[in-house]
Structure formats: structure tokens, C-alpha cells
């Protein structure tokens, strides 16, 4: 969705220097032009504007894959005109999707017999996967409550305040109360004990995060499962677990295979994972798999026949491209278990290089753990003069995109920077990033602390927490002002 503002007189048209070789008239910015233009001009106009985008390889805010092998790029381009939903027309593509589902389900230790097919589907990222898993839990819970003659109008999900926004979307769109376990300083994931205490007869599932977006930390799914088993015995409920393994699902099996977080735990009924994160595929592919067929209600599966043969489908969307599915299959067979393990070990090693480099500066406190998603989340030890938002903003001058953000409740007074280590982030880049951080800090040290000077209110003394919140608020407003000065806001 794009939110637009009224255009000024100077920005109602698009002007391109090089495209003027082909066309002399400028193009309207917010209306379809009356006439066609040469293909060279259309390309040049768009290419000129895209130059102002950030470099994806230097976008350290994103978990999403930004590099694939040329052979995979070629496969994607060759299949870009195939509609994934046309199963009868593209049976091989459907077969490749089924192979991916089965490989991923077995990677997650689904209890499948020899020759038994796994239950799952490819989605447009983990957001859609979570919506589908949530709908399955809601319908299972409603059906059971109806059969028992009990109310079924107030479902809820228990999860941590560190969940990704797609969980909030699911709760709001599908009318499910989201009961969040609040965070606390130095503990930025869901506390399993508090989560289980919040479970009641209306809880459709507890959602655990294998790889928190904030710090990369894996939540303790094993402890959650054990505590929930005991509560179910005491209450007679059968509250299940969903694992949001968007980031960690393609990491834990290779770096920590003994860790119990998946279908080895009896209450884990479904798992989602993002193929476009550490599944190593470009943006646009996610997966959700269920423990058994009984965990996915048949009534949620639609059967259509107007594209050919009978085609079962359980997705929120309909048409979508086949490229990412094919790319996922390529990566699974190209790399195999050994290849994925090598990639993840390299990411972890480069994460340690960056972590140690930042620690050596003496200026940062590392917030993230060494185990989990390969990322480094860190805060300034001293933010009395300049804060994390200033560091992030100044770092952009070197091309790096590093996010600064505040933690959710009740740790919102903590501000952190975060660097995600992807396959294409080399040791050399890690060392260069540390050097650029040192340059930024040196530069900021030479500047007056303008923010604090502006916010000082006489001789009123404030706590460090109050000052941190005010500084954070100031810089957020400043960044929002810069964003809204553009013609459109995405």
C-alpha cells in the first residue's frame, strides 16, 4: 500500500536526462501518460530513479536473501511466466513444491512413515504461512468447543511481545485476542513460565519464536512444551504449540541439531519457515508444515476444477509466480545438508568477527546471544551525548543500512542497533563495517550534543531512562519528518 500526499507544482512530472534522447516531453507522475514511449526511454527513466535505492547487499536490516547463484537466477527467469496455481498446466512445478514440503517436514522431524506424504504448502513468505497456521488452530478449537457445547467466540493466542507484526495482523484480521508476555531488560524473548500461566480454555495455541527478530535468540520451545504438557494434564485442555521458525528453521537443524524445538516435541502441531531468509531464496517464498493430516481441518481446503483437474488449495492468495518455489528446490538439492551447514557456519563465524570487533571498540554493549540467528544486536554503553539513531543515520553516508529501534514493552527504554549476517556478508565486509562504526563514533564525538541541549529544561534533573526515552522520541520524529518530505511514503 502506498500513501501519497498532494504533489507540488515542481513534482507533478518525471524528468530524465538520458531518456530525453528518445522523448522530449516529461511524463506525468501520478497519471497514466496519453501516449506510448520507446522501451529504451521507459527503462532509462525507471533505472535512473532506482539508482537512489539502497544497495541490497549493504542492507543489514533485512533477513531476506540478496544473492543467489547465476544458474538459479536463470531458472527463475525461465519460469517467471508460470502461474503457480495452475497445477494441471504445470504439474512438474507442483511436484517440485511437494518435494520441498516433504524435505522441509522431514528436516523438522515430522512423524512420517515410510512413503507417507507430508502436509504443508508454499506461501508468499512467513506472514501468509502464519495466517494459515493460525486459521487451522482457530478452526480446530472452535470445532472442539462446539462439540462440547461451549462458547467459541473469544479465541486467544499467547505469545511474546517480541513477535513479528504478522502475528498482530492475524489477531486483528481474524478476530483473535493476542495475549503478549511482556519483555524485560536483558530478557528479550517470551518467558515460557509466564506464557503457560496466561493460557486459558480459550487459548487456541501458544506461539514460540525460533529466532526473535529483535535479537535472533531462540525461545525455549522444549521448556514451553514440558510446562504446557503438565498444564494440559491438570486442566484437561489440549493447548498446542506453533513454532514461528521464519528465521531459525533453516539454521537450527544445521548448527544445533540436538536442540529440541520441532516435531520431536508432542505439542508442536505446525511450523512455518521463510524460504527467502536462511532458506537462501529471493523474497517471496515461505512454507508451513503440519505435524499430521488431522492437524489441518479438511474444511479449510478448497477444491477447484476450472483450471483442469481437481486441485486442492489452502492459501490466502490465488495466483502467484512459480520462480521462488523452483529456486527453493534448486537450493535444497544443490546444497544438500552439507551445503546448508557450511553456509550457516560461515554466517556464524562472520557474526563472531563482527561481534568481537564491536566489543573491541569499547563503545558498545552486545545485547544478542552467540547462539541463534547470526546477527549482532548492540547498544551504546554511553548515550549521554549521542544515541543509536544518530549512529544509524550517520552510518548511511558510508552506504550501510543498519536499523536502530526500541524494544517492545516492558523494555521500551532500551534502544539497539542490529546487523543481520547473511550469506553474502563476508568477513572483509564485517571488518570494514567495524572500521566505519569507529569513524562514525569519532565524527559524532567531535560534534556538540545538540539534541540534549535542545531538550534540556532548565535545571530539572532527569533519570537516564527519561533522557533515553526523550532522545529516542526526538530522533524518531526527525526521521519521520525526513521520510514524509518525499513524494510518497510506502
Protein backbone atom coordinates (compact mmCIF):
# COMPACT_ATOMS: atom_id res chain seq x y z
CA UNK A 1 0.00 0.00 0.00
CA UNK A 2 1.26 3.47 -0.86
CA UNK A 3 0.17 6.58 1.00
CA UNK A 4 0.53 9.68 -1.16
CA UNK A 5 0.48 13.39 -0.49
CA UNK A 6 -0.61 16.16 -2.82
CA UNK A 7 2.09 16.87 -5.34
CA UNK A 8 3.61 20.32 -5.54
CA UNK A 9 3.91 22.17 -8.82
CA UNK A 10 7.51 21.06 -9.21
CA UNK A 11 6.99 17.32 -8.82
CA UNK A 12 3.97 16.57 -10.98
CA UNK A 13 6.21 15.34 -13.79
CA UNK A 14 9.10 12.92 -14.20
CA UNK A 15 12.19 14.24 -15.97
CA UNK A 16 15.05 12.04 -17.14
CA UNK A 17 18.25 13.37 -18.64
CA UNK A 18 19.20 10.29 -20.63
CA UNK A 19 15.66 9.39 -21.65
CA UNK A 20 15.46 12.77 -23.39
CA UNK A 21 17.43 11.14 -26.20
CA UNK A 22 14.16 9.37 -27.03
CA UNK A 23 11.42 11.69 -25.74
CA UNK A 24 11.33 15.44 -25.21
CA UNK A 25 8.19 15.71 -23.12
CA UNK A 26 8.16 14.93 -19.42
CA UNK A 27 5.87 12.22 -18.07
CA UNK A 28 3.06 12.84 -15.58
CA UNK A 29 3.99 11.44 -12.20
CA UNK A 30 0.60 10.35 -10.89
CA UNK A 31 -1.40 9.79 -14.08
CA UNK A 32 -1.05 7.32 -16.92
CA UNK A 33 0.50 9.12 -19.91
CA UNK A 34 -1.64 9.58 -23.00
CA UNK A 35 0.92 8.17 -25.43
CA UNK A 36 3.40 5.30 -25.55
CA UNK A 37 7.12 5.93 -25.22
CA UNK A 38 10.08 3.92 -26.55
CA UNK A 39 11.14 0.92 -24.47
CA UNK A 40 14.60 2.44 -24.05
CA UNK A 41 13.08 5.56 -22.52
CA UNK A 42 10.85 3.61 -20.13
CA UNK A 43 13.83 1.57 -18.97
CA UNK A 44 16.09 4.59 -18.52
CA UNK A 45 13.50 6.61 -16.61
CA UNK A 46 12.92 3.82 -14.12
CA UNK A 47 16.59 2.88 -13.89
CA UNK A 48 17.54 6.48 -13.10
CA UNK A 49 15.13 6.63 -10.17
CA UNK A 50 16.14 3.22 -8.83
CA UNK A 51 19.71 4.43 -8.52
CA UNK A 52 18.58 6.24 -5.37
CA UNK A 53 17.55 2.99 -3.68
CA UNK A 54 19.94 1.46 -1.18
CA UNK A 55 22.32 -1.33 -2.13
CA UNK A 56 20.62 -4.64 -1.13
CA UNK A 57 23.99 -6.20 -0.24
CA UNK A 58 24.60 -3.40 2.27
CA UNK A 59 21.07 -3.53 3.70
CA UNK A 60 21.96 -5.09 7.03
CA UNK A 61 18.43 -4.51 8.36
CA UNK A 62 16.97 -7.33 6.29
CA UNK A 63 16.97 -11.08 6.84
CA UNK A 64 15.94 -11.60 3.21
CA UNK A 65 18.33 -13.25 0.74
CA UNK A 66 20.04 -10.83 -1.65
CA UNK A 67 22.31 -13.19 -3.61
CA UNK A 68 21.84 -16.47 -5.46
CA UNK A 69 23.95 -18.37 -7.95
CA UNK A 70 23.61 -17.38 -11.62
CA UNK A 71 22.23 -20.82 -12.50
CA UNK A 72 19.38 -20.30 -10.05
CA UNK A 73 18.78 -16.78 -11.34
CA UNK A 74 18.46 -18.30 -14.81
CA UNK A 75 15.96 -20.91 -13.65
CA UNK A 76 13.88 -18.19 -12.01
CA UNK A 77 13.77 -16.06 -15.13
CA UNK A 78 12.86 -19.05 -17.27
CA UNK A 79 9.87 -19.81 -15.03
CA UNK A 80 8.77 -16.27 -14.26
CA UNK A 81 5.74 -16.56 -16.57
CA UNK A 82 4.33 -19.66 -14.86
CA UNK A 83 1.37 -19.23 -12.54
CA UNK A 84 1.96 -21.42 -9.51
CA UNK A 85 -1.77 -22.05 -9.00
CA UNK A 86 -2.21 -23.75 -12.40
CA UNK A 87 -1.36 -27.19 -11.09
CA UNK A 88 -2.85 -29.08 -14.02
CA UNK A 89 -0.98 -26.96 -16.57
CA UNK A 90 2.32 -27.03 -14.68
CA UNK A 91 2.41 -30.44 -13.00
CA UNK A 92 6.20 -30.51 -12.65
CA UNK A 93 6.19 -27.22 -10.73
CA UNK A 94 3.53 -28.69 -8.42
CA UNK A 95 5.68 -31.78 -7.97
CA UNK A 96 8.69 -29.64 -7.04
CA UNK A 97 6.58 -27.82 -4.45
CA UNK A 98 5.52 -31.15 -2.96
CA UNK A 99 9.13 -32.32 -2.82
CA UNK A 100 10.09 -29.13 -0.95
CA UNK A 101 7.26 -29.63 1.56
CA UNK A 102 8.39 -33.19 2.24
CA UNK A 103 12.07 -32.26 2.55
CA UNK A 104 11.28 -29.45 5.00
CA UNK A 105 8.85 -31.58 7.05
CA UNK A 106 11.49 -34.29 7.41
CA UNK A 107 14.11 -31.68 8.26
CA UNK A 108 11.79 -30.69 11.12
CA UNK A 109 11.39 -34.34 12.21
CA UNK A 110 7.73 -34.75 11.25
CA UNK A 111 6.48 -38.20 12.34
CA UNK A 112 6.08 -39.60 8.83
CA UNK A 113 6.01 -43.26 7.96
CA UNK A 114 7.91 -44.69 5.01
CA UNK A 115 6.34 -43.37 1.83
CA UNK A 116 3.93 -41.12 3.76
CA UNK A 117 3.42 -37.64 2.31
CA UNK A 118 3.91 -34.58 4.48
CA UNK A 119 1.19 -31.97 4.92
CA UNK A 120 2.19 -28.42 4.02
CA UNK A 121 2.12 -25.67 1.44
CA UNK A 122 4.30 -23.00 -0.12
CA UNK A 123 3.28 -19.44 0.73
CA UNK A 124 4.24 -15.85 -0.03
CA UNK A 125 6.59 -15.58 2.94
CA UNK A 126 6.03 -16.48 6.58
CA UNK A 127 3.27 -13.91 7.01
CA UNK A 128 0.86 -15.93 4.89
CA UNK A 129 2.15 -19.14 6.47
CA UNK A 130 1.34 -17.82 9.95
CA UNK A 131 -2.14 -16.74 8.83
CA UNK A 132 -2.84 -20.27 7.57
CA UNK A 133 -1.48 -21.95 10.69
CA UNK A 134 -3.47 -19.59 12.89
CA UNK A 135 -6.66 -20.29 10.95
CA UNK A 136 -6.13 -24.03 11.37
CA UNK A 137 -5.72 -23.65 15.14
CA UNK A 138 -8.76 -21.39 15.38
CA UNK A 139 -10.97 -23.79 13.45
CA UNK A 140 -9.75 -26.84 15.41
CA UNK A 141 -10.50 -25.05 18.68
CA UNK A 142 -13.92 -23.85 17.51
CA UNK A 143 -14.94 -27.31 16.31
CA UNK A 144 -14.00 -28.87 19.62
CA UNK A 145 -15.82 -26.19 21.64
CA UNK A 146 -18.93 -26.57 19.50
CA UNK A 147 -18.91 -30.34 20.01
CA UNK A 148 -18.68 -29.76 23.77
CA UNK A 149 -21.48 -27.20 23.74
CA UNK A 150 -19.14 -24.46 24.99
CA UNK A 151 -18.75 -20.83 23.84
CA UNK A 152 -16.36 -20.39 20.94
CA UNK A 153 -16.46 -16.64 20.30
CA UNK A 154 -13.41 -15.47 22.28
CA UNK A 155 -10.27 -17.26 21.00
CA UNK A 156 -6.83 -16.06 22.01
CA UNK A 157 -3.19 -16.75 21.24
CA UNK A 158 -0.40 -16.47 23.81
CA UNK A 159 2.96 -15.25 22.58
CA UNK A 160 5.81 -12.90 23.48
CA UNK A 161 5.81 -9.16 22.87
CA UNK A 162 8.79 -9.78 20.58
CA UNK A 163 6.70 -11.39 17.83
CA UNK A 164 6.78 -10.06 14.28
CA UNK A 165 3.95 -7.78 13.20
CA UNK A 166 2.30 -10.55 11.12
CA UNK A 167 1.03 -12.07 14.38
CA UNK A 168 -0.67 -8.79 15.24
CA UNK A 169 -2.16 -8.76 11.75
CA UNK A 170 -3.52 -12.27 12.17
CA UNK A 171 -5.07 -11.39 15.52
CA UNK A 172 -6.72 -8.25 14.19
CA UNK A 173 -7.84 -9.60 10.81
CA UNK A 174 -9.26 -12.86 12.16
CA UNK A 175 -10.59 -11.57 15.49
CA UNK A 176 -8.31 -13.43 17.87
CA UNK A 177 -7.09 -11.83 21.08
CA UNK A 178 -3.30 -11.61 21.24
CA UNK A 179 -2.06 -12.13 24.80
CA UNK A 180 1.55 -10.98 24.93
CA UNK A 181 4.17 -11.86 27.51
CA UNK A 182 5.97 -8.61 28.23
CA UNK A 183 9.74 -8.41 27.95
CA UNK A 184 12.21 -7.10 30.49
CA UNK A 185 15.71 -5.72 30.30
CA UNK A 186 18.30 -8.39 29.45
CA UNK A 187 15.49 -10.91 28.72
CA UNK A 188 14.09 -10.11 25.29
CA UNK A 189 12.15 -13.29 24.49
CA UNK A 190 8.98 -14.92 25.79
CA UNK A 191 9.25 -16.40 29.28
CA UNK A 192 7.73 -19.92 28.95
CA UNK A 193 6.54 -19.99 32.57
CA UNK A 194 4.64 -16.72 32.26
CA UNK A 195 3.26 -17.81 28.87
CA UNK A 196 1.83 -21.04 30.27
CA UNK A 197 0.31 -19.15 33.20
CA UNK A 198 -1.54 -16.96 30.67
CA UNK A 199 -3.06 -19.95 28.86
CA UNK A 200 -6.79 -20.45 29.46
CA UNK A 201 -9.58 -22.56 27.96
CA UNK A 202 -9.88 -20.09 25.05
CA UNK A 203 -6.22 -20.31 24.02
CA UNK A 204 -6.03 -21.80 20.51
CA UNK A 205 -2.23 -22.13 20.66
CA UNK A 206 0.97 -20.77 22.16
CA UNK A 207 3.31 -19.30 19.54
CA UNK A 208 7.04 -19.71 20.15
CA UNK A 209 9.67 -17.87 18.11
CA UNK A 210 12.73 -19.69 16.85
CA UNK A 211 14.83 -16.67 16.10
CA UNK A 212 13.49 -13.41 17.51
CA UNK A 213 13.53 -10.52 15.03
CA UNK A 214 14.87 -8.27 17.77
CA UNK A 215 17.89 -10.24 18.96
CA UNK A 216 17.97 -13.50 16.96
CA UNK A 217 17.54 -15.55 20.15
CA UNK A 218 15.80 -18.93 20.06
CA UNK A 219 12.98 -19.27 22.57
CA UNK A 220 12.97 -22.35 24.81
CA UNK A 221 10.36 -24.45 23.00
CA UNK A 222 11.32 -27.59 24.93
CA UNK A 223 10.59 -25.98 28.30
CA UNK A 224 7.38 -24.48 26.91
CA UNK A 225 6.27 -27.91 25.70
CA UNK A 226 7.03 -29.59 29.05
CA UNK A 227 5.22 -26.93 31.09
CA UNK A 228 2.24 -27.00 28.75
CA UNK A 229 2.03 -30.80 28.90
CA UNK A 230 1.66 -30.56 32.67
CA UNK A 231 -0.95 -27.81 32.47
CA UNK A 232 -2.96 -29.77 29.91
CA UNK A 233 -2.94 -32.78 32.25
CA UNK A 234 -4.16 -30.66 35.15
CA UNK A 235 -6.89 -28.84 33.22
CA UNK A 236 -7.98 -31.40 30.66
CA UNK A 237 -7.21 -28.97 27.85
CA UNK A 238 -5.07 -29.83 24.82
CA UNK A 239 -3.49 -26.44 24.08
CA UNK A 240 -0.95 -26.90 21.23
CA UNK A 241 2.18 -25.05 20.13
CA UNK A 242 3.04 -23.35 16.86
CA UNK A 243 6.69 -22.57 16.16
CA UNK A 244 7.40 -19.46 14.13
CA UNK A 245 10.74 -20.55 12.70
CA UNK A 246 10.76 -17.89 9.98
CA UNK A 247 14.44 -17.12 10.61
CA UNK A 248 15.69 -20.09 12.61
CA UNK A 249 14.08 -23.01 10.78
CA UNK A 250 16.92 -23.24 8.27
CA UNK A 251 19.57 -22.60 10.95
CA UNK A 252 18.90 -24.81 13.98
CA UNK A 253 18.88 -28.17 12.10
CA UNK A 254 22.38 -27.44 10.76
CA UNK A 255 24.08 -25.61 13.64
CA UNK A 256 22.33 -27.18 16.62
CA UNK A 257 20.77 -30.49 15.50
CA UNK A 258 20.36 -31.74 19.10
CA UNK A 259 18.17 -28.79 20.07
CA UNK A 260 14.57 -29.95 20.54
CA UNK A 261 12.21 -27.35 19.15
CA UNK A 262 10.38 -29.08 16.28
CA UNK A 263 8.02 -32.05 15.78
CA UNK A 264 10.08 -34.10 18.22
CA UNK A 265 8.02 -32.25 20.85
CA UNK A 266 4.49 -33.70 21.01
CA UNK A 267 2.61 -30.39 21.36
CA UNK A 268 4.23 -28.78 18.30
CA UNK A 269 1.50 -29.11 15.66
CA UNK A 270 2.72 -26.73 12.95
CA UNK A 271 5.86 -24.85 11.94
CA UNK A 272 6.45 -22.03 9.48
CA UNK A 273 9.76 -21.08 7.90
CA UNK A 274 10.83 -18.40 5.42
CA UNK A 275 12.49 -19.82 2.34
CA UNK A 276 13.52 -16.28 1.44
CA UNK A 277 15.55 -15.83 4.62
CA UNK A 278 18.03 -18.55 5.55
CA UNK A 279 16.34 -20.86 3.05
CA UNK A 280 18.54 -18.78 0.68
CA UNK A 281 15.88 -17.79 -1.89
CA UNK A 282 14.97 -14.29 -3.07
CA UNK A 283 11.96 -12.62 -1.43
CA UNK A 284 8.55 -14.18 -1.96
CA UNK A 285 8.58 -17.74 -0.55
CA UNK A 286 7.59 -19.22 2.79
CA UNK A 287 6.49 -22.64 4.00
CA UNK A 288 4.12 -24.03 6.60
CA UNK A 289 4.03 -27.70 7.53
CA UNK A 290 1.73 -29.57 9.88
CA UNK A 291 2.56 -32.47 12.14
CA UNK A 292 -0.17 -34.75 10.69
CA UNK A 293 -3.17 -34.52 8.40
CA UNK A 294 -5.50 -34.32 11.41
CA UNK A 295 -3.92 -31.02 12.44
CA UNK A 296 -5.23 -29.29 9.30
CA UNK A 297 -9.07 -29.24 9.18
CA UNK A 298 -10.41 -30.51 5.86
CA UNK A 299 -12.99 -27.71 5.73
CA UNK A 300 -10.23 -25.15 5.18
CA UNK A 301 -9.07 -26.85 1.99
CA UNK A 302 -10.78 -25.71 -1.21
CA UNK A 303 -11.15 -27.85 -4.30
CA UNK A 304 -11.34 -26.20 -7.72
CA UNK A 305 -11.65 -27.76 -11.16
CA UNK A 306 -11.96 -24.87 -13.60
CA UNK A 307 -8.22 -24.93 -14.36
CA UNK A 308 -8.32 -28.60 -15.30
CA UNK A 309 -8.27 -31.49 -12.85
CA UNK A 310 -9.41 -31.29 -9.24
CA UNK A 311 -6.94 -29.06 -7.39
CA UNK A 312 -6.90 -28.76 -3.59
CA UNK A 313 -5.70 -25.38 -2.31
CA UNK A 314 -5.18 -23.81 1.10
CA UNK A 315 -3.76 -20.33 0.61
CA UNK A 316 -4.93 -16.77 1.24
CA UNK A 317 -3.99 -15.66 -2.26
CA UNK A 318 -4.61 -17.41 -5.56
CA UNK A 319 -2.26 -16.54 -8.42
CA UNK A 320 1.46 -16.19 -7.75
CA UNK A 321 4.72 -16.84 -9.53
CA UNK A 322 6.45 -20.21 -9.64
CA UNK A 323 10.01 -18.86 -9.63
CA UNK A 324 10.62 -18.91 -5.89
CA UNK A 325 9.30 -22.46 -5.50
CA UNK A 326 11.67 -23.66 -8.22
CA UNK A 327 14.52 -21.69 -6.65
CA UNK A 328 13.86 -23.30 -3.28
CA UNK A 329 14.04 -26.76 -4.81
CA UNK A 330 17.29 -25.77 -6.54
CA UNK A 331 18.86 -24.73 -3.25
CA UNK A 332 17.73 -27.85 -1.41
CA UNK A 333 19.21 -30.25 -3.96
CA UNK A 334 22.19 -28.05 -4.90
CA UNK A 335 23.43 -27.53 -1.35
CA UNK A 336 22.08 -30.55 0.49
CA UNK A 337 22.54 -30.86 4.24
CA UNK A 338 26.30 -30.36 3.99
CA UNK A 339 26.00 -27.19 1.91
CA UNK A 340 23.43 -25.56 4.19
CA UNK A 341 25.57 -26.40 7.20
CA UNK A 342 28.60 -24.79 5.55
CA UNK A 343 26.66 -21.62 4.76
CA UNK A 344 25.26 -21.33 8.27
CA UNK A 345 28.65 -21.98 9.86
CA UNK A 346 30.19 -19.26 7.68
CA UNK A 347 27.43 -16.84 8.72
CA UNK A 348 28.02 -17.68 12.38
CA UNK A 349 31.81 -17.22 12.00
CA UNK A 350 31.35 -13.82 10.34
CA UNK A 351 28.90 -12.86 13.07
CA UNK A 352 31.60 -13.60 15.66
CA UNK A 353 34.11 -11.45 13.75
CA UNK A 354 31.68 -8.52 13.80
CA UNK A 355 30.71 -9.11 17.42
CA UNK A 356 34.32 -9.19 18.59
CA UNK A 357 35.19 -6.15 16.50
CA UNK A 358 32.37 -4.11 18.04
CA UNK A 359 33.33 -5.24 21.54
CA UNK A 360 36.96 -4.13 20.95
CA UNK A 361 35.81 -0.57 20.28
CA UNK A 362 34.78 -0.42 23.94
CA UNK A 363 31.74 1.64 22.98
CA UNK A 364 29.03 -0.99 22.62
CA UNK A 365 27.15 -3.42 24.83
CA UNK A 366 26.23 -6.59 22.93
CA UNK A 367 22.57 -7.48 23.52
CA UNK A 368 22.23 -10.57 21.31
CA UNK A 369 23.41 -14.09 22.17
CA UNK A 370 26.14 -16.04 20.39
CA UNK A 371 23.66 -18.84 19.61
CA UNK A 372 20.59 -18.32 17.45
CA UNK A 373 20.18 -16.38 14.23
CA UNK A 374 23.56 -15.00 13.08
CA UNK A 375 23.09 -11.34 13.90
CA UNK A 376 24.53 -8.80 16.29
CA UNK A 377 22.24 -6.52 18.29
CA UNK A 378 24.02 -3.92 20.38
CA UNK A 379 23.58 -0.64 22.27
CA UNK A 380 25.83 2.27 23.08
CA UNK A 381 27.32 1.98 26.56
CA UNK A 382 27.12 5.75 26.87
CA UNK A 383 24.30 7.55 25.06
CA UNK A 384 24.51 10.76 27.09
CA UNK A 385 25.79 12.77 24.11
CA UNK A 386 24.64 10.83 21.03
CA UNK A 387 22.36 7.86 20.63
CA UNK A 388 21.82 4.84 18.40
CA UNK A 389 19.56 6.69 15.97
CA UNK A 390 22.31 9.22 15.29
CA UNK A 391 24.81 6.41 14.72
CA UNK A 392 22.47 4.67 12.24
CA UNK A 393 21.77 7.90 10.38
CA UNK A 394 25.44 8.86 10.10
CA UNK A 395 26.43 5.35 9.03
CA UNK A 396 24.24 5.67 5.93
CA UNK A 397 26.81 8.06 4.48
CA UNK A 398 29.10 5.05 4.06
CA UNK A 399 26.35 3.08 2.27
CA UNK A 400 25.42 0.86 5.23
CA UNK A 401 21.78 0.44 6.20
CA UNK A 402 21.70 -0.52 9.88
CA UNK A 403 18.41 -0.16 11.79
CA UNK A 404 18.04 1.41 15.21
CA UNK A 405 14.90 0.64 17.19
CA UNK A 406 13.44 0.45 20.66
CA UNK A 407 12.44 -2.82 22.32
CA UNK A 408 8.75 -3.68 22.90
CA UNK A 409 7.03 -3.40 26.27
CA UNK A 410 8.24 -3.55 29.02
CA UNK A 411 11.76 -2.94 27.74
CA UNK A 412 10.95 0.04 25.54
CA UNK A 413 13.58 2.18 27.24
CA UNK A 414 16.27 0.03 25.58
CA UNK A 415 17.43 1.13 22.11
CA UNK A 416 19.55 -1.13 19.93
CA UNK A 417 21.28 -1.32 16.57
CA UNK A 418 21.13 -4.62 14.69
CA UNK A 419 23.26 -6.15 11.93
CA UNK A 420 21.95 -9.29 10.22
CA UNK A 421 24.60 -11.61 8.80
CA UNK A 422 23.53 -13.16 5.51
CA UNK A 423 25.41 -15.47 3.17
CA UNK A 424 26.69 -12.53 1.12
CA UNK A 425 28.11 -10.68 4.15
CA UNK A 426 31.79 -11.62 4.13
CA UNK A 427 34.45 -11.35 6.80
CA UNK A 428 36.00 -8.49 4.83
CA UNK A 429 32.71 -6.59 4.95
CA UNK A 430 32.42 -7.29 8.68
CA UNK A 431 35.86 -5.81 9.30
CA UNK A 432 35.07 -2.81 7.09
CA UNK A 433 31.79 -2.22 8.94
CA UNK A 434 33.61 -2.11 12.29
CA UNK A 435 36.05 0.42 10.86
CA UNK A 436 33.17 2.57 9.61
CA UNK A 437 31.48 2.39 13.01
CA UNK A 438 34.67 3.74 14.56
CA UNK A 439 34.73 6.59 12.02
CA UNK A 440 31.11 7.44 12.78
CA UNK A 441 31.69 7.44 16.53
CA UNK A 442 34.78 9.63 16.16
CA UNK A 443 32.82 12.06 14.00
CA UNK A 444 29.90 12.20 16.44
CA UNK A 445 32.32 12.73 19.33
CA UNK A 446 33.55 15.93 17.67
CA UNK A 447 30.03 17.33 17.35
CA UNK A 448 28.13 19.13 20.11
CA UNK A 449 25.34 17.17 21.78
CA UNK A 450 22.69 19.32 20.08
CA UNK A 451 19.80 17.04 20.89
CA UNK A 452 20.33 17.11 24.63
CA UNK A 453 20.92 20.85 24.57
CA UNK A 454 17.57 21.41 22.86
CA UNK A 455 15.74 19.12 25.24
CA UNK A 456 17.25 20.47 28.43
CA UNK A 457 14.57 22.07 30.60
CA UNK A 458 16.32 24.47 32.93
CA UNK A 459 17.98 22.74 35.84
CA UNK A 460 15.45 19.92 36.09
CA UNK A 461 17.38 16.69 36.61
CA UNK A 462 16.14 13.63 34.71
CA UNK A 463 16.89 9.96 35.08
CA UNK A 464 18.95 8.22 32.39
CA UNK A 465 15.83 6.28 31.37
CA UNK A 466 13.84 9.52 30.92
CA UNK A 467 16.62 11.06 28.89
CA UNK A 468 16.92 7.95 26.72
CA UNK A 469 13.18 7.94 26.00
CA UNK A 470 13.20 11.62 25.09
CA UNK A 471 16.23 11.25 22.82
CA UNK A 472 14.65 8.24 21.13
CA UNK A 473 11.39 10.14 20.61
CA UNK A 474 13.26 13.14 19.20
CA UNK A 475 15.16 11.11 16.63
CA UNK A 476 12.12 9.09 15.63
CA UNK A 477 10.25 12.30 14.87
CA UNK A 478 13.26 13.65 12.97
CA UNK A 479 13.49 10.52 10.81
CA UNK A 480 9.72 10.53 10.18
CA UNK A 481 9.94 14.18 9.09
CA UNK A 482 12.65 13.30 6.58
CA UNK A 483 10.60 10.41 5.20
CA UNK A 484 7.42 12.44 4.80
CA UNK A 485 9.30 15.08 2.86
CA UNK A 486 9.36 12.68 -0.08
CA UNK A 487 6.51 12.49 -2.60
CA UNK A 488 5.25 9.10 -1.43
CA UNK A 489 5.53 7.00 1.68
CA UNK A 490 5.47 3.23 1.31
